[in-house]
Amino acid sequence: MADLATLQAPSLDDMEALAQDAYARLPAEFRALCEGVVIRVEDFPDDDTMREMDCETPFDLLGLFRGIGLAQGGAMMQTGQFPNMVWLYRRPILDYWAEHEEALGSIVTHVLVHEIGHHFGLSDEDMEAIEAAAA
């Protein structure tokens, strides 16, 4: 058992590593379609994002897809366009983890798949199948 007296919360770098591991475990066909999607980890959403997403607190949002999804015709990047990005928010994810009986890696995978799923316009059932394949 880990020494709980010295245990620390996962850092931004730790969460980035969890996200990269989760991404690497996604089905190869799914990852091939994600070419160019950038994954970023921050502690919280910025103030503009909180206003745009109508968040009451910084803990309301676990992740966010920003960009032009394939479902909206965003397959080809245009000059001057930012890359499609998935943001994972460390502190809200850790707060969710503390309140639920799920492994942190499973939560990160769920948020990542859900946000990338927006890129493809996938249904909840499609995203559940991708998550199951990554487990």
Protein backbone atom coordinates (compact mmCIF):
# COMPACT_ATOMS: atom_id res chain seq x y z
CA MET A 1 0.00 0.00 0.00
CA ALA A 2 1.23 3.50 -0.83
CA ASP A 3 2.33 5.70 2.05
CA LEU A 4 -0.67 8.03 2.19
CA ALA A 5 1.27 10.58 4.27
CA THR A 6 3.56 11.30 1.30
CA LEU A 7 1.10 10.75 -1.54
CA GLN A 8 0.65 13.81 -3.78
CA ALA A 9 -2.05 14.71 -6.29
CA PRO A 10 -1.10 14.06 -9.92
CA SER A 11 0.62 17.07 -11.50
CA LEU A 12 -0.14 18.59 -14.90
CA ASP A 13 2.69 16.44 -16.30
CA ASP A 14 1.20 13.33 -14.67
CA MET A 15 -2.20 14.10 -16.19
CA GLU A 16 -0.57 14.71 -19.58
CA ALA A 17 1.06 11.26 -19.30
CA LEU A 18 -2.31 9.70 -18.38
CA ALA A 19 -3.93 11.40 -21.37
CA GLN A 20 -1.18 10.26 -23.75
CA ASP A 21 -1.47 6.69 -22.40
CA ALA A 22 -5.25 6.78 -22.81
CA TYR A 23 -4.86 8.10 -26.36
CA ALA A 24 -2.33 5.37 -27.20
CA ARG A 25 -4.82 2.70 -26.05
CA LEU A 26 -7.61 3.94 -28.33
CA PRO A 27 -8.32 1.79 -31.38
CA ALA A 28 -5.79 2.41 -34.18
CA GLU A 29 -8.54 3.29 -36.69
CA PHE A 30 -9.86 5.93 -34.31
CA ARG A 31 -6.39 7.42 -33.67
CA ALA A 32 -5.70 7.55 -37.42
CA LEU A 33 -8.79 9.75 -37.85
CA CYS A 34 -7.56 12.06 -35.04
CA GLU A 35 -4.50 13.23 -36.94
CA GLY A 36 -3.69 16.79 -36.00
CA VAL A 37 -5.78 16.90 -32.81
CA VAL A 38 -3.74 18.48 -30.01
CA ILE A 39 -4.32 17.38 -26.40
CA ARG A 40 -3.67 20.00 -23.70
CA VAL A 41 -3.95 19.71 -19.93
CA GLU A 42 -4.59 22.77 -17.78
CA ASP A 43 -5.64 23.14 -14.16
CA PHE A 44 -8.90 24.95 -14.99
CA PRO A 45 -10.71 26.44 -17.99
CA ASP A 46 -9.90 30.10 -18.59
CA ASP A 47 -12.40 32.85 -17.80
CA ASP A 48 -13.53 33.21 -21.44
CA THR A 49 -14.26 29.49 -21.66
CA MET A 50 -16.16 29.55 -18.40
CA ARG A 51 -18.36 32.39 -19.65
CA GLU A 52 -18.85 30.78 -23.06
CA MET A 53 -19.79 27.41 -21.53
CA ASP A 54 -21.98 29.10 -18.87
CA CYS A 55 -20.06 27.46 -15.99
CA GLU A 56 -21.01 28.42 -12.47
CA THR A 57 -17.67 27.27 -11.03
CA PRO A 58 -14.28 26.30 -12.51
CA PHE A 59 -15.08 22.70 -11.50
CA ASP A 60 -18.07 22.42 -13.87
CA LEU A 61 -16.03 21.46 -16.94
CA LEU A 62 -13.81 18.34 -17.13
CA GLY A 63 -12.78 18.78 -20.75
CA LEU A 64 -13.54 20.64 -23.94
CA PHE A 65 -13.09 20.21 -27.68
CA ARG A 66 -12.19 23.41 -29.53
CA GLY A 67 -12.01 23.56 -33.28
CA ILE A 68 -13.95 22.53 -36.32
CA GLY A 69 -15.08 18.95 -36.01
CA LEU A 70 -15.16 16.52 -38.88
CA ALA A 71 -18.93 16.51 -38.54
CA GLN A 72 -18.85 20.24 -39.40
CA GLY A 73 -16.53 19.78 -42.39
CA GLY A 74 -13.28 20.38 -40.50
CA ALA A 75 -11.20 17.58 -42.02
CA MET A 76 -8.88 19.96 -43.88
CA MET A 77 -7.03 22.59 -41.89
CA GLN A 78 -7.12 26.01 -43.50
CA THR A 79 -4.46 28.72 -43.40
CA GLY A 80 -4.64 30.73 -40.18
CA GLN A 81 -6.86 28.17 -38.47
CA PHE A 82 -5.78 26.89 -35.06
CA PRO A 83 -5.48 23.10 -34.81
CA ASN A 84 -8.35 21.17 -33.31
CA MET A 85 -7.67 20.83 -29.60
CA VAL A 86 -8.92 18.78 -26.69
CA TRP A 87 -8.52 20.43 -23.31
CA LEU A 88 -8.51 18.30 -20.17
CA TYR A 89 -8.91 20.20 -16.91
CA ARG A 90 -6.84 18.61 -14.12
CA ARG A 91 -8.49 20.04 -10.99
CA PRO A 92 -12.11 19.32 -12.03
CA ILE A 93 -11.05 15.79 -13.10
CA LEU A 94 -9.35 15.24 -9.72
CA ASP A 95 -12.43 16.59 -7.93
CA TYR A 96 -14.64 14.17 -9.89
CA TRP A 97 -12.21 11.33 -9.08
CA ALA A 98 -12.39 12.13 -5.35
CA GLU A 99 -16.19 11.88 -5.41
CA HIS A 100 -16.54 8.67 -7.45
CA GLU A 101 -15.25 5.13 -7.24
CA GLU A 102 -13.47 5.04 -10.59
CA ALA A 103 -9.80 4.77 -11.46
CA LEU A 104 -8.25 8.08 -12.47
CA GLY A 105 -7.03 6.59 -15.76
CA SER A 106 -10.58 5.50 -16.61
CA ILE A 107 -11.91 9.00 -15.97
CA VAL A 108 -9.20 10.58 -18.12
CA THR A 109 -9.96 8.07 -20.90
CA HIS A 110 -13.69 8.80 -20.65
CA VAL A 111 -13.21 12.58 -20.87
CA LEU A 112 -10.70 12.24 -23.72
CA VAL A 113 -12.96 9.93 -25.76
CA HIS A 114 -15.99 12.13 -25.10
CA GLU A 115 -14.22 15.27 -26.24
CA ILE A 116 -12.64 13.63 -29.29
CA GLY A 117 -16.05 12.15 -30.02
CA HIS A 118 -17.30 15.70 -30.57
CA HIS A 119 -14.64 16.00 -33.28
CA PHE A 120 -16.31 13.13 -35.13
CA GLY A 121 -19.92 13.82 -34.20
CA LEU A 122 -20.13 10.35 -32.58
CA SER A 123 -23.10 9.06 -30.64
CA ASP A 124 -22.85 8.13 -26.96
CA GLU A 125 -23.03 4.46 -27.98
CA ASP A 126 -20.11 4.89 -30.38
CA MET A 127 -18.05 6.57 -27.67
CA GLU A 128 -18.87 3.81 -25.16
CA ALA A 129 -17.65 1.19 -27.66
CA ILE A 130 -14.38 3.09 -28.20
CA GLU A 131 -13.88 3.39 -24.43
CA ALA A 132 -14.53 -0.32 -23.99
CA ALA A 133 -11.94 -1.11 -26.68
CA ALA A 134 -9.39 1.09 -24.90
CA ALA A 135 -9.93 -0.58 -21.49
